[in-house]
Amino acid sequence: MWGVNSYTVALSAEVTKYLLFASRNAIRGISLDSSAAATGSSPPEAIPPIVNSDSTFVAVDYDAADDYIYYSDVRRSSVHRIHTNGTGLLTPSDDAWLVDLS
Protein backbone atom coordinates (compact mmCIF):
# COMPACT_ATOMS: atom_id res chain seq x y z
CA MET A 1 0.00 0.00 0.00
CA TRP A 2 3.04 2.26 -0.28
CA GLY A 3 3.66 4.64 -3.11
CA VAL A 4 2.18 7.26 -5.30
CA ASN A 5 -1.55 7.87 -5.60
CA SER A 6 -3.36 5.61 -8.04
CA TYR A 7 -5.44 8.50 -9.40
CA THR A 8 -4.15 10.76 -12.16
CA VAL A 9 -2.70 14.07 -11.03
CA ALA A 10 -2.20 16.95 -13.44
CA LEU A 11 1.36 17.99 -12.72
CA SER A 12 2.57 21.39 -13.81
CA ALA A 13 5.78 20.94 -15.82
CA GLU A 14 6.62 24.63 -15.40
CA VAL A 15 6.77 24.50 -11.60
CA THR A 16 10.22 25.38 -10.29
CA LYS A 17 9.25 26.58 -6.81
CA TYR A 18 6.98 24.51 -4.64
CA LEU A 19 6.14 23.83 -1.03
CA LEU A 20 6.90 20.28 0.10
CA PHE A 21 4.97 19.25 3.20
CA ALA A 22 3.79 16.26 5.20
CA SER A 23 0.22 15.82 6.31
CA ARG A 24 -1.04 12.89 8.32
CA ASN A 25 -1.40 10.44 5.39
CA ALA A 26 0.35 12.20 2.51
CA ILE A 27 3.46 13.98 1.31
CA ARG A 28 2.55 16.69 -1.17
CA GLY A 29 4.23 19.36 -3.21
CA ILE A 30 2.17 22.34 -4.32
CA SER A 31 3.20 25.16 -6.58
CA LEU A 32 4.16 28.52 -5.08
CA ASP A 33 3.30 30.20 -8.39
CA SER A 34 1.19 33.24 -7.63
CA SER A 35 -0.91 32.88 -10.80
CA ALA A 36 -3.06 30.15 -9.19
CA ALA A 37 -3.77 32.39 -6.20
CA ALA A 38 -4.64 35.30 -8.50
CA THR A 39 -7.31 33.23 -10.27
CA GLY A 40 -8.69 31.81 -7.03
CA SER A 41 -7.97 28.23 -8.06
CA SER A 42 -6.11 25.60 -6.07
CA PRO A 43 -2.36 25.53 -6.62
CA PRO A 44 -1.27 22.80 -9.05
CA GLU A 45 0.49 19.67 -7.80
CA ALA A 46 4.25 19.93 -8.37
CA ILE A 47 5.00 16.27 -7.56
CA PRO A 48 2.86 13.12 -7.50
CA PRO A 49 1.37 12.88 -3.98
CA ILE A 50 2.80 10.07 -1.83
CA VAL A 51 -0.13 8.54 0.03
CA ASN A 52 -0.54 5.72 2.54
CA SER A 53 -3.65 5.47 4.69
CA ASP A 54 -1.85 3.12 7.12
CA SER A 55 0.87 5.67 7.89
CA THR A 56 1.36 8.84 9.87
CA PHE A 57 3.88 11.10 8.16
CA VAL A 58 5.42 13.79 10.38
CA ALA A 59 8.64 14.98 8.76
CA VAL A 60 9.91 15.51 5.24
CA ASP A 61 13.23 16.57 3.72
CA TYR A 62 14.42 17.14 0.15
CA ASP A 63 17.77 16.26 -1.42
CA ALA A 64 18.15 18.75 -4.28
CA ALA A 65 21.37 17.16 -5.59
CA ASP A 66 19.72 13.80 -6.27
CA ASP A 67 16.05 14.89 -6.40
CA TYR A 68 14.90 12.57 -3.59
CA ILE A 69 12.35 13.09 -0.86
CA TYR A 70 13.00 11.57 2.57
CA TYR A 71 10.11 11.20 4.98
CA SER A 72 9.38 9.62 8.33
CA ASP A 73 6.43 7.51 9.34
CA VAL A 74 5.87 7.48 13.11
CA ARG A 75 3.28 4.73 12.98
CA ARG A 76 5.87 2.36 11.46
CA SER A 77 8.91 3.98 13.14
CA SER A 78 10.64 4.21 9.78
CA VAL A 79 12.29 6.53 7.26
CA HIS A 80 11.69 6.23 3.51
CA ARG A 81 13.19 7.66 0.34
CA ILE A 82 11.46 8.22 -3.00
CA HIS A 83 12.31 10.16 -6.16
CA THR A 84 10.15 13.25 -6.78
CA ASN A 85 8.66 11.60 -9.88
CA GLY A 86 7.29 8.77 -7.71
CA THR A 87 9.83 6.10 -8.62
CA GLY A 88 12.55 4.41 -6.61
CA LEU A 89 10.78 3.97 -3.27
CA LEU A 90 13.16 2.44 -0.74
CA THR A 91 11.55 0.80 2.25
CA PRO A 92 12.98 0.21 5.73
CA SER A 93 14.12 -3.26 4.68
CA ASP A 94 16.59 -1.67 2.25
CA ASP A 95 19.04 -0.71 5.02
CA ALA A 96 22.08 -0.10 2.78
CA TRP A 97 20.97 3.41 1.78
CA LEU A 98 20.66 4.57 5.41
CA VAL A 99 24.45 4.52 5.82
CA ASP A 100 24.71 7.47 3.40
CA LEU A 101 22.51 9.69 5.59
CA SER A 102 25.04 10.25 8.37
PDB file of N, CA and C in Angstrom:
ATOM      1  N   MET A   1       0.812  -1.193   0.000  1.00  0.00           N
ATOM      2  CA  MET A   1       0.000   0.000   0.000  1.00  0.00           C
ATOM      3  C   MET A   1       0.854   1.255   0.000  1.00  0.00           C
ATOM      4  N   TRP A   2       2.139   1.114  -0.210  1.00  0.00           N
ATOM      5  CA  TRP A   2       3.038   2.262  -0.282  1.00  0.00           C
ATOM      6  C   TRP A   2       3.046   2.825  -1.681  1.00  0.00           C
ATOM      7  N   GLY A   3       3.372   4.088  -1.803  1.00  0.00           N
ATOM      8  CA  GLY A   3       3.665   4.639  -3.110  1.00  0.00           C
ATOM      9  C   GLY A   3       2.848   5.852  -3.469  1.00  0.00           C
ATOM     10  N   VAL A   4       2.808   6.080  -4.744  1.00  0.00           N
ATOM     11  CA  VAL A   4       2.182   7.264  -5.300  1.00  0.00           C
ATOM     12  C   VAL A   4       0.703   6.983  -5.506  1.00  0.00           C
ATOM     13  N   ASN A   5      -0.106   8.018  -5.415  1.00  0.00           N
ATOM     14  CA  ASN A   5      -1.554   7.865  -5.603  1.00  0.00           C
ATOM     15  C   ASN A   5      -1.874   7.125  -6.887  1.00  0.00           C
ATOM     16  N   SER A   6      -2.935   6.339  -6.853  1.00  0.00           N
ATOM     17  CA  SER A   6      -3.358   5.612  -8.036  1.00  0.00           C
ATOM     18  C   SER A   6      -4.178   6.489  -8.983  1.00  0.00           C
ATOM     19  N   TYR A   7      -4.689   7.629  -8.501  1.00  0.00           N
ATOM     20  CA  TYR A   7      -5.440   8.497  -9.399  1.00  0.00           C
ATOM     21  C   TYR A   7      -4.497   9.418 -10.170  1.00  0.00           C
ATOM     22  N   THR A   8      -4.969   9.905 -11.303  1.00  0.00           N
ATOM     23  CA  THR A   8      -4.154  10.761 -12.155  1.00  0.00           C
ATOM     24  C   THR A   8      -4.097  12.172 -11.577  1.00  0.00           C
ATOM     25  N   VAL A   9      -2.898  12.715 -11.534  1.00  0.00           N
ATOM     26  CA  VAL A   9      -2.696  14.074 -11.034  1.00  0.00           C
ATOM     27  C   VAL A   9      -2.128  14.905 -12.168  1.00  0.00           C
ATOM     28  N   ALA A  10      -2.724  16.055 -12.408  1.00  0.00           N
ATOM     29  CA  ALA A  10      -2.202  16.946 -13.436  1.00  0.00           C
ATOM     30  C   ALA A  10      -1.033  17.718 -12.844  1.00  0.00           C
ATOM     31  N   LEU A  11       0.173  17.325 -13.233  1.00  0.00           N
ATOM     32  CA  LEU A  11       1.362  17.989 -12.722  1.00  0.00           C
ATOM     33  C   LEU A  11       1.727  19.148 -13.631  1.00  0.00           C
ATOM     34  N   SER A  12       2.161  20.228 -13.043  1.00  0.00           N
ATOM     35  CA  SER A  12       2.572  21.391 -13.806  1.00  0.00           C
ATOM     36  C   SER A  12       4.055  21.276 -14.132  1.00  0.00           C
ATOM     37  N   ALA A  13       4.387  21.109 -15.399  1.00  0.00           N
ATOM     38  CA  ALA A  13       5.777  20.944 -15.823  1.00  0.00           C
ATOM     39  C   ALA A  13       6.589  22.215 -15.610  1.00  0.00           C
ATOM     40  N   GLU A  14       5.920  23.356 -15.537  1.00  0.00           N
ATOM     41  CA  GLU A  14       6.623  24.627 -15.400  1.00  0.00           C
ATOM     42  C   GLU A  14       7.001  24.948 -13.959  1.00  0.00           C
ATOM     43  N   VAL A  15       6.545  24.191 -13.008  1.00  0.00           N
ATOM     44  CA  VAL A  15       6.770  24.500 -11.597  1.00  0.00           C
ATOM     45  C   VAL A  15       8.248  24.351 -11.253  1.00  0.00           C
ATOM     46  N   THR A  16       8.837  25.432 -10.750  1.00  0.00           N
ATOM     47  CA  THR A  16      10.218  25.380 -10.290  1.00  0.00           C
ATOM     48  C   THR A  16      10.314  25.644  -8.795  1.00  0.00           C
ATOM     49  N   LYS A  17       9.302  26.303  -8.239  1.00  0.00           N
ATOM     50  CA  LYS A  17       9.252  26.579  -6.805  1.00  0.00           C
ATOM     51  C   LYS A  17       7.977  25.963  -6.249  1.00  0.00           C
ATOM     52  N   TYR A  18       8.159  25.103  -5.243  1.00  0.00           N
ATOM     53  CA  TYR A  18       6.980  24.508  -4.639  1.00  0.00           C
ATOM     54  C   TYR A  18       7.219  24.232  -3.170  1.00  0.00           C
ATOM     55  N   LEU A  19       6.117  24.115  -2.452  1.00  0.00           N
ATOM     56  CA  LEU A  19       6.144  23.827  -1.032  1.00  0.00           C
ATOM     57  C   LEU A  19       5.976  22.322  -0.856  1.00  0.00           C
ATOM     58  N   LEU A  20       6.938  21.701  -0.206  1.00  0.00           N
ATOM     59  CA  LEU A  20       6.897  20.281   0.096  1.00  0.00           C
ATOM     60  C   LEU A  20       6.482  20.142   1.549  1.00  0.00           C
ATOM     61  N   PHE A  21       5.435  19.365   1.820  1.00  0.00           N
ATOM     62  CA  PHE A  21       4.970  19.247   3.198  1.00  0.00           C
ATOM     63  C   PHE A  21       4.382  17.865   3.469  1.00  0.00           C
ATOM     64  N   ALA A  22       4.370  17.523   4.743  1.00  0.00           N
ATOM     65  CA  ALA A  22       3.792  16.259   5.202  1.00  0.00           C
ATOM     66  C   ALA A  22       2.486  16.550   5.916  1.00  0.00           C
ATOM     67  N   SER A  23       1.458  15.822   5.540  1.00  0.00           N
ATOM     68  CA  SER A  23       0.223  15.821   6.313  1.00  0.00           C
ATOM     69  C   SER A  23       0.094  14.422   6.901  1.00  0.00           C
ATOM     70  N   ARG A  24      -0.954  14.155   7.592  1.00  0.00           N
ATOM     71  CA  ARG A  24      -1.043  12.887   8.317  1.00  0.00           C
ATOM     72  C   ARG A  24      -0.816  11.671   7.414  1.00  0.00           C
ATOM     73  N   ASN A  25      -1.470  11.615   6.260  1.00  0.00           N
ATOM     74  CA  ASN A  25      -1.401  10.440   5.394  1.00  0.00           C
ATOM     75  C   ASN A  25      -0.831  10.727   4.015  1.00  0.00           C
ATOM     76  N   ALA A  26      -0.163  11.872   3.840  1.00  0.00           N
ATOM     77  CA  ALA A  26       0.346  12.199   2.512  1.00  0.00           C
ATOM     78  C   ALA A  26       1.543  13.140   2.585  1.00  0.00           C
ATOM     79  N   ILE A  27       2.389  13.014   1.574  1.00  0.00           N
ATOM     80  CA  ILE A  27       3.463  13.979   1.315  1.00  0.00           C
ATOM     81  C   ILE A  27       3.051  14.655   0.014  1.00  0.00           C
ATOM     82  N   ARG A  28       3.001  15.965   0.015  1.00  0.00           N
ATOM     83  CA  ARG A  28       2.546  16.688  -1.171  1.00  0.00           C
ATOM     84  C   ARG A  28       3.523  17.807  -1.511  1.00  0.00           C
ATOM     85  N   GLY A  29       3.490  18.205  -2.740  1.00  0.00           N
ATOM     86  CA  GLY A  29       4.234  19.358  -3.212  1.00  0.00           C
ATOM     87  C   GLY A  29       3.297  20.225  -4.033  1.00  0.00           C
ATOM     88  N   ILE A  30       3.057  21.449  -3.580  1.00  0.00           N
ATOM     89  CA  ILE A  30       2.166  22.341  -4.321  1.00  0.00           C
ATOM     90  C   ILE A  30       2.943  23.555  -4.803  1.00  0.00           C
ATOM     91  N   SER A  31       2.535  24.041  -5.937  1.00  0.00           N
ATOM     92  CA  SER A  31       3.204  25.165  -6.580  1.00  0.00           C
ATOM     93  C   SER A  31       3.102  26.425  -5.736  1.00  0.00           C
ATOM     94  N   LEU A  32       4.168  27.212  -5.728  1.00  0.00           N
ATOM     95  CA  LEU A  32       4.159  28.519  -5.082  1.00  0.00           C
ATOM     96  C   LEU A  32       3.941  29.636  -6.106  1.00  0.00           C
ATOM     97  N   ASP A  33       3.579  29.251  -7.317  1.00  0.00           N
ATOM     98  CA  ASP A  33       3.304  30.199  -8.386  1.00  0.00           C
ATOM     99  C   ASP A  33       2.099  31.052  -8.008  1.00  0.00           C
ATOM    100  N   SER A  34       2.259  32.333  -8.051  1.00  0.00           N
ATOM    101  CA  SER A  34       1.191  33.243  -7.628  1.00  0.00           C
ATOM    102  C   SER A  34       0.039  33.307  -8.609  1.00  0.00           C
ATOM    103  N   SER A  35       0.177  32.789  -9.826  1.00  0.00           N
ATOM    104  CA  SER A  35      -0.913  32.881 -10.799  1.00  0.00           C
ATOM    105  C   SER A  35      -2.126  32.069 -10.363  1.00  0.00           C
ATOM    106  N   ALA A  36      -1.930  30.942  -9.679  1.00  0.00           N
ATOM    107  CA  ALA A  36      -3.064  30.150  -9.193  1.00  0.00           C
ATOM    108  C   ALA A  36      -3.832  30.930  -8.131  1.00  0.00           C
ATOM    109  N   ALA A  37      -3.118  31.601  -7.254  1.00  0.00           N
ATOM    110  CA  ALA A  37      -3.774  32.387  -6.202  1.00  0.00           C
ATOM    111  C   ALA A  37      -4.540  33.559  -6.811  1.00  0.00           C
ATOM    112  N   ALA A  38      -3.993  34.152  -7.862  1.00  0.00           N
ATOM    113  CA  ALA A  38      -4.642  35.298  -8.500  1.00  0.00           C
ATOM    114  C   ALA A  38      -5.967  34.905  -9.141  1.00  0.00           C
ATOM    115  N   THR A  39      -6.074  33.668  -9.627  1.00  0.00           N
ATOM    116  CA  THR A  39      -7.314  33.231 -10.267  1.00  0.00           C
ATOM    117  C   THR A  39      -8.280  32.604  -9.274  1.00  0.00           C
ATOM    118  N   GLY A  40      -7.838  32.404  -8.041  1.00  0.00           N
ATOM    119  CA  GLY A  40      -8.690  31.815  -7.027  1.00  0.00           C
ATOM    120  C   GLY A  40      -8.759  30.299  -7.088  1.00  0.00           C
ATOM    121  N   SER A  41      -7.955  29.683  -7.950  1.00  0.00           N
ATOM    122  CA  SER A  41      -7.970  28.227  -8.062  1.00  0.00           C
ATOM    123  C   SER A  41      -6.949  27.609  -7.109  1.00  0.00           C
ATOM    124  N   SER A  42      -7.068  26.316  -6.915  1.00  0.00           N
ATOM    125  CA  SER A  42      -6.111  25.605  -6.067  1.00  0.00           C
ATOM    126  C   SER A  42      -4.764  25.550  -6.760  1.00  0.00           C
ATOM    127  N   PRO A  43      -3.674  25.619  -5.989  1.00  0.00           N
ATOM    128  CA  PRO A  43      -2.358  25.527  -6.616  1.00  0.00           C
ATOM    129  C   PRO A  43      -2.153  24.159  -7.242  1.00  0.00           C
ATOM    130  N   PRO A  44      -1.483  24.091  -8.394  1.00  0.00           N
ATOM    131  CA  PRO A  44      -1.271  22.800  -9.047  1.00  0.00           C
ATOM    132  C   PRO A  44      -0.288  21.930  -8.264  1.00  0.00           C
ATOM    133  N   GLU A  45      -0.446  20.624  -8.409  1.00  0.00           N
ATOM    134  CA  GLU A  45       0.488  19.674  -7.805  1.00  0.00           C
ATOM    135  C   GLU A  45       1.820  19.786  -8.535  1.00  0.00           C
ATOM    136  N   ALA A  46       2.912  19.842  -7.781  1.00  0.00           N
ATOM    137  CA  ALA A  46       4.245  19.928  -8.373  1.00  0.00           C
ATOM    138  C   ALA A  46       4.911  18.557  -8.449  1.00  0.00           C
ATOM    139  N   ILE A  47       4.491  17.640  -7.574  1.00  0.00           N
ATOM    140  CA  ILE A  47       4.995  16.269  -7.560  1.00  0.00           C
ATOM    141  C   ILE A  47       3.803  15.331  -7.378  1.00  0.00           C
ATOM    142  N   PRO A  48       3.950  14.063  -7.793  1.00  0.00           N
ATOM    143  CA  PRO A  48       2.858  13.121  -7.504  1.00  0.00           C
ATOM    144  C   PRO A  48       2.729  12.943  -5.988  1.00  0.00           C
ATOM    145  N   PRO A  49       1.526  13.062  -5.423  1.00  0.00           N
ATOM    146  CA  PRO A  49       1.375  12.882  -3.981  1.00  0.00           C
ATOM    147  C   PRO A  49       1.771  11.471  -3.552  1.00  0.00           C
ATOM    148  N   ILE A  50       2.437  11.360  -2.424  1.00  0.00           N
ATOM    149  CA  ILE A  50       2.797  10.073  -1.835  1.00  0.00           C
ATOM    150  C   ILE A  50       1.772   9.825  -0.739  1.00  0.00           C
ATOM    151  N   VAL A  51       0.998   8.760  -0.866  1.00  0.00           N
ATOM    152  CA  VAL A  51      -0.129   8.536   0.026  1.00  0.00           C
ATOM    153  C   VAL A  51      -0.075   7.133   0.606  1.00  0.00           C
ATOM    154  N   ASN A  52      -0.386   7.010   1.893  1.00  0.00           N
ATOM    155  CA  ASN A  52      -0.537   5.718   2.543  1.00  0.00           C
ATOM    156  C   ASN A  52      -1.484   5.895   3.718  1.00  0.00           C
ATOM    157  N   SER A  53      -2.659   5.302   3.634  1.00  0.00           N
ATOM    158  CA  SER A  53      -3.651   5.470   4.687  1.00  0.00           C
ATOM    159  C   SER A  53      -3.270   4.748   5.974  1.00  0.00           C
ATOM    160  N   ASP A  54      -2.295   3.848   5.921  1.00  0.00           N
ATOM    161  CA  ASP A  54      -1.851   3.124   7.115  1.00  0.00           C
ATOM    162  C   ASP A  54      -0.657   3.794   7.792  1.00  0.00           C
ATOM    163  N   SER A  55      -0.307   4.990   7.363  1.00  0.00           N
ATOM    164  CA  SER A  55       0.874   5.672   7.886  1.00  0.00           C
ATOM    165  C   SER A  55       0.517   6.994   8.531  1.00  0.00           C
ATOM    166  N   THR A  56       1.466   7.503   9.316  1.00  0.00           N
ATOM    167  CA  THR A  56       1.363   8.844   9.867  1.00  0.00           C
ATOM    168  C   THR A  56       2.688   9.544   9.588  1.00  0.00           C
ATOM    169  N   PHE A  57       2.688  10.378   8.568  1.00  0.00           N
ATOM    170  CA  PHE A  57       3.881  11.105   8.164  1.00  0.00           C
ATOM    171  C   PHE A  57       4.032  12.352   9.026  1.00  0.00           C
ATOM    172  N   VAL A  58       5.237  12.614   9.527  1.00  0.00           N
ATOM    173  CA  VAL A  58       5.421  13.791  10.378  1.00  0.00           C
ATOM    174  C   VAL A  58       6.580  14.677   9.947  1.00  0.00           C
ATOM    175  N   ALA A  59       7.491  14.166   9.157  1.00  0.00           N
ATOM    176  CA  ALA A  59       8.640  14.979   8.758  1.00  0.00           C
ATOM    177  C   ALA A  59       9.000  14.666   7.312  1.00  0.00           C
ATOM    178  N   VAL A  60       9.532  15.678   6.640  1.00  0.00           N
ATOM    179  CA  VAL A  60       9.912  15.515   5.241  1.00  0.00           C
ATOM    180  C   VAL A  60      11.160  16.344   4.980  1.00  0.00           C
ATOM    181  N   ASP A  61      12.027  15.836   4.112  1.00  0.00           N
ATOM    182  CA  ASP A  61      13.229  16.568   3.715  1.00  0.00           C
ATOM    183  C   ASP A  61      13.456  16.311   2.234  1.00  0.00           C
ATOM    184  N   TYR A  62      14.183  17.229   1.592  1.00  0.00           N
ATOM    185  CA  TYR A  62      14.417  17.139   0.155  1.00  0.00           C
ATOM    186  C   TYR A  62      15.903  17.205  -0.135  1.00  0.00           C
ATOM    187  N   ASP A  63      16.384  16.295  -0.961  1.00  0.00           N
ATOM    188  CA  ASP A  63      17.769  16.261  -1.419  1.00  0.00           C
ATOM    189  C   ASP A  63      17.797  16.812  -2.843  1.00  0.00           C
ATOM    190  N   ALA A  64      18.168  18.089  -2.980  1.00  0.00           N
ATOM    191  CA  ALA A  64      18.151  18.748  -4.283  1.00  0.00           C
ATOM    192  C   ALA A  64      19.190  18.181  -5.242  1.00  0.00           C
ATOM    193  N   ALA A  65      20.307  17.704  -4.727  1.00  0.00           N
ATOM    194  CA  ALA A  65      21.366  17.164  -5.590  1.00  0.00           C
ATOM    195  C   ALA A  65      20.897  15.920  -6.337  1.00  0.00           C
ATOM    196  N   ASP A  66      20.155  15.052  -5.657  1.00  0.00           N
ATOM    197  CA  ASP A  66      19.718  13.796  -6.268  1.00  0.00           C
ATOM    198  C   ASP A  66      18.216  13.736  -6.525  1.00  0.00           C
ATOM    199  N   ASP A  67      17.479  14.789  -6.157  1.00  0.00           N
ATOM    200  CA  ASP A  67      16.046  14.892  -6.396  1.00  0.00           C
ATOM    201  C   ASP A  67      15.242  13.806  -5.671  1.00  0.00           C
ATOM    202  N   TYR A  68      15.610  13.551  -4.416  1.00  0.00           N
ATOM    203  CA  TYR A  68      14.901  12.572  -3.590  1.00  0.00           C
ATOM    204  C   TYR A  68      14.185  13.266  -2.439  1.00  0.00           C
ATOM    205  N   ILE A  69      13.078  12.671  -2.043  1.00  0.00           N
ATOM    206  CA  ILE A  69      12.350  13.089  -0.858  1.00  0.00           C
ATOM    207  C   ILE A  69      12.566  12.027   0.207  1.00  0.00           C
ATOM    208  N   TYR A  70      12.877  12.461   1.411  1.00  0.00           N
ATOM    209  CA  TYR A  70      12.996  11.573   2.571  1.00  0.00           C
ATOM    210  C   TYR A  70      11.855  11.928   3.511  1.00  0.00           C
ATOM    211  N   TYR A  71      11.197  10.917   4.058  1.00  0.00           N
ATOM    212  CA  TYR A  71      10.113  11.196   4.985  1.00  0.00           C
ATOM    213  C   TYR A  71      10.042  10.133   6.070  1.00  0.00           C
ATOM    214  N   SER A  72       9.500  10.545   7.207  1.00  0.00           N
ATOM    215  CA  SER A  72       9.378   9.616   8.330  1.00  0.00           C
ATOM    216  C   SER A  72       7.915   9.256   8.545  1.00  0.00           C
ATOM    217  N   ASP A  73       7.743   8.045   9.045  1.00  0.00           N
ATOM    218  CA  ASP A  73       6.428   7.506   9.343  1.00  0.00           C
ATOM    219  C   ASP A  73       6.457   7.054  10.802  1.00  0.00           C
ATOM    220  N   VAL A  74       5.802   7.806  11.684  1.00  0.00           N
ATOM    221  CA  VAL A  74       5.871   7.478  13.113  1.00  0.00           C
ATOM    222  C   VAL A  74       5.050   6.246  13.469  1.00  0.00           C
ATOM    223  N   ARG A  75       4.062   5.935  12.701  1.00  0.00           N
ATOM    224  CA  ARG A  75       3.283   4.730  12.979  1.00  0.00           C
ATOM    225  C   ARG A  75       4.123   3.471  12.756  1.00  0.00           C
ATOM    226  N   ARG A  76       5.009   3.504  11.766  1.00  0.00           N
ATOM    227  CA  ARG A  76       5.867   2.363  11.457  1.00  0.00           C
ATOM    228  C   ARG A  76       7.290   2.528  11.998  1.00  0.00           C
ATOM    229  N   SER A  77       7.564   3.661  12.627  1.00  0.00           N
ATOM    230  CA  SER A  77       8.909   3.977  13.141  1.00  0.00           C
ATOM    231  C   SER A  77       9.958   3.769  12.057  1.00  0.00           C
ATOM    232  N   SER A  78       9.757   4.434  10.926  1.00  0.00           N
ATOM    233  CA  SER A  78      10.636   4.207   9.784  1.00  0.00           C
ATOM    234  C   SER A  78      10.885   5.491   8.991  1.00  0.00           C
ATOM    235  N   VAL A  79      11.932   5.451   8.176  1.00  0.00           N
ATOM    236  CA  VAL A  79      12.291   6.526   7.264  1.00  0.00           C
ATOM    237  C   VAL A  79      12.291   5.938   5.856  1.00  0.00           C
ATOM    238  N   HIS A  80      11.779   6.706   4.888  1.00  0.00           N
ATOM    239  CA  HIS A  80      11.690   6.230   3.514  1.00  0.00           C
ATOM    240  C   HIS A  80      12.294   7.256   2.567  1.00  0.00           C
ATOM    241  N   ARG A  81      12.654   6.781   1.381  1.00  0.00           N
ATOM    242  CA  ARG A  81      13.189   7.659   0.343  1.00  0.00           C
ATOM    243  C   ARG A  81      12.463   7.338  -0.959  1.00  0.00           C
ATOM    244  N   ILE A  82      12.104   8.393  -1.698  1.00  0.00           N
ATOM    245  CA  ILE A  82      11.459   8.224  -2.995  1.00  0.00           C
ATOM    246  C   ILE A  82      11.875   9.384  -3.895  1.00  0.00           C
ATOM    247  N   HIS A  83      11.990   9.114  -5.185  1.00  0.00           N
ATOM    248  CA  HIS A  83      12.314  10.162  -6.160  1.00  0.00           C
ATOM    249  C   HIS A  83      11.084  11.051  -6.336  1.00  0.00           C
ATOM    250  N   THR A  84      11.277  12.317  -6.663  1.00  0.00           N
ATOM    251  CA  THR A  84      10.152  13.246  -6.785  1.00  0.00           C
ATOM    252  C   THR A  84       9.174  12.861  -7.888  1.00  0.00           C
ATOM    253  N   ASN A  85       9.593  12.031  -8.843  1.00  0.00           N
ATOM    254  CA  ASN A  85       8.659  11.596  -9.884  1.00  0.00           C
ATOM    255  C   ASN A  85       7.858  10.367  -9.464  1.00  0.00           C
ATOM    256  N   GLY A  86       8.053   9.897  -8.226  1.00  0.00           N
ATOM    257  CA  GLY A  86       7.286   8.775  -7.706  1.00  0.00           C
ATOM    258  C   GLY A  86       7.936   7.420  -7.869  1.00  0.00           C
ATOM    259  N   THR A  87       9.139   7.376  -8.427  1.00  0.00           N
ATOM    260  CA  THR A  87       9.830   6.101  -8.625  1.00  0.00           C
ATOM    261  C   THR A  87      10.891   5.902  -7.546  1.00  0.00           C
ATOM    262  N   GLY A  88      11.405   4.688  -7.466  1.00  0.00           N
ATOM    263  CA  GLY A  88      12.548   4.407  -6.613  1.00  0.00           C
ATOM    264  C   GLY A  88      12.283   4.411  -5.127  1.00  0.00           C
ATOM    265  N   LEU A  89      11.084   4.021  -4.702  1.00  0.00           N
ATOM    266  CA  LEU A  89      10.785   3.965  -3.271  1.00  0.00           C
ATOM    267  C   LEU A  89      11.674   2.935  -2.594  1.00  0.00           C
ATOM    268  N   LEU A  90      12.376   3.357  -1.558  1.00  0.00           N
ATOM    269  CA  LEU A  90      13.160   2.435  -0.741  1.00  0.00           C
ATOM    270  C   LEU A  90      12.473   2.313   0.605  1.00  0.00           C
ATOM    271  N   THR A  91      12.261   1.094   1.011  1.00  0.00           N
ATOM    272  CA  THR A  91      11.550   0.805   2.250  1.00  0.00           C
ATOM    273  C   THR A  91      12.544   0.543   3.369  1.00  0.00           C
ATOM    274  N   PRO A  92      12.070   0.450   4.603  1.00  0.00           N
ATOM    275  CA  PRO A  92      12.976   0.207   5.735  1.00  0.00           C
ATOM    276  C   PRO A  92      13.811  -1.060   5.610  1.00  0.00           C
ATOM    277  N   SER A  93      13.354  -2.029   4.832  1.00  0.00           N
ATOM    278  CA  SER A  93      14.124  -3.263   4.684  1.00  0.00           C
ATOM    279  C   SER A  93      15.361  -3.075   3.814  1.00  0.00           C
ATOM    280  N   ASP A  94      15.436  -1.969   3.098  1.00  0.00           N
ATOM    281  CA  ASP A  94      16.592  -1.667   2.252  1.00  0.00           C
ATOM    282  C   ASP A  94      17.599  -0.833   3.036  1.00  0.00           C
ATOM    283  N   ASP A  95      18.210  -1.431   4.084  1.00  0.00           N
ATOM    284  CA  ASP A  95      19.045  -0.707   5.022  1.00  0.00           C
ATOM    285  C   ASP A  95      20.317  -0.085   4.441  1.00  0.00           C
ATOM    286  N   ALA A  96      20.795  -0.568   3.317  1.00  0.00           N
ATOM    287  CA  ALA A  96      22.079  -0.105   2.784  1.00  0.00           C
ATOM    288  C   ALA A  96      22.088   1.407   2.529  1.00  0.00           C
ATOM    289  N   TRP A  97      20.994   1.983   2.094  1.00  0.00           N
ATOM    290  CA  TRP A  97      20.974   3.413   1.782  1.00  0.00           C
ATOM    291  C   TRP A  97      21.007   4.279   3.025  1.00  0.00           C
ATOM    292  N   LEU A  98      20.644   3.758   4.179  1.00  0.00           N
ATOM    293  CA  LEU A  98      20.658   4.566   5.410  1.00  0.00           C
ATOM    294  C   LEU A  98      22.063   4.968   5.835  1.00  0.00           C
ATOM    295  N   VAL A  99      23.058   4.207   5.457  1.00  0.00           N
ATOM    296  CA  VAL A  99      24.450   4.519   5.815  1.00  0.00           C
ATOM    297  C   VAL A  99      24.855   5.870   5.240  1.00  0.00           C
ATOM    298  N   ASP A 100      24.355   6.221   4.058  1.00  0.00           N
ATOM    299  CA  ASP A 100      24.710   7.474   3.401  1.00  0.00           C
ATOM    300  C   ASP A 100      24.105   8.708   4.054  1.00  0.00           C
ATOM    301  N   LEU A 101      23.176   8.542   4.974  1.00  0.00           N
ATOM    302  CA  LEU A 101      22.508   9.685   5.592  1.00  0.00           C
ATOM    303  C   LEU A 101      23.320  10.362   6.676  1.00  0.00           C
ATOM    304  N   SER A 102      24.301   9.672   7.233  1.00  0.00           N
ATOM    305  CA  SER A 102      25.037  10.246   8.368  1.00  0.00           C
ATOM    306  C   SER A 102      26.127  11.191   7.943  1.00  0.00           C
TER     307      SER A 102
END
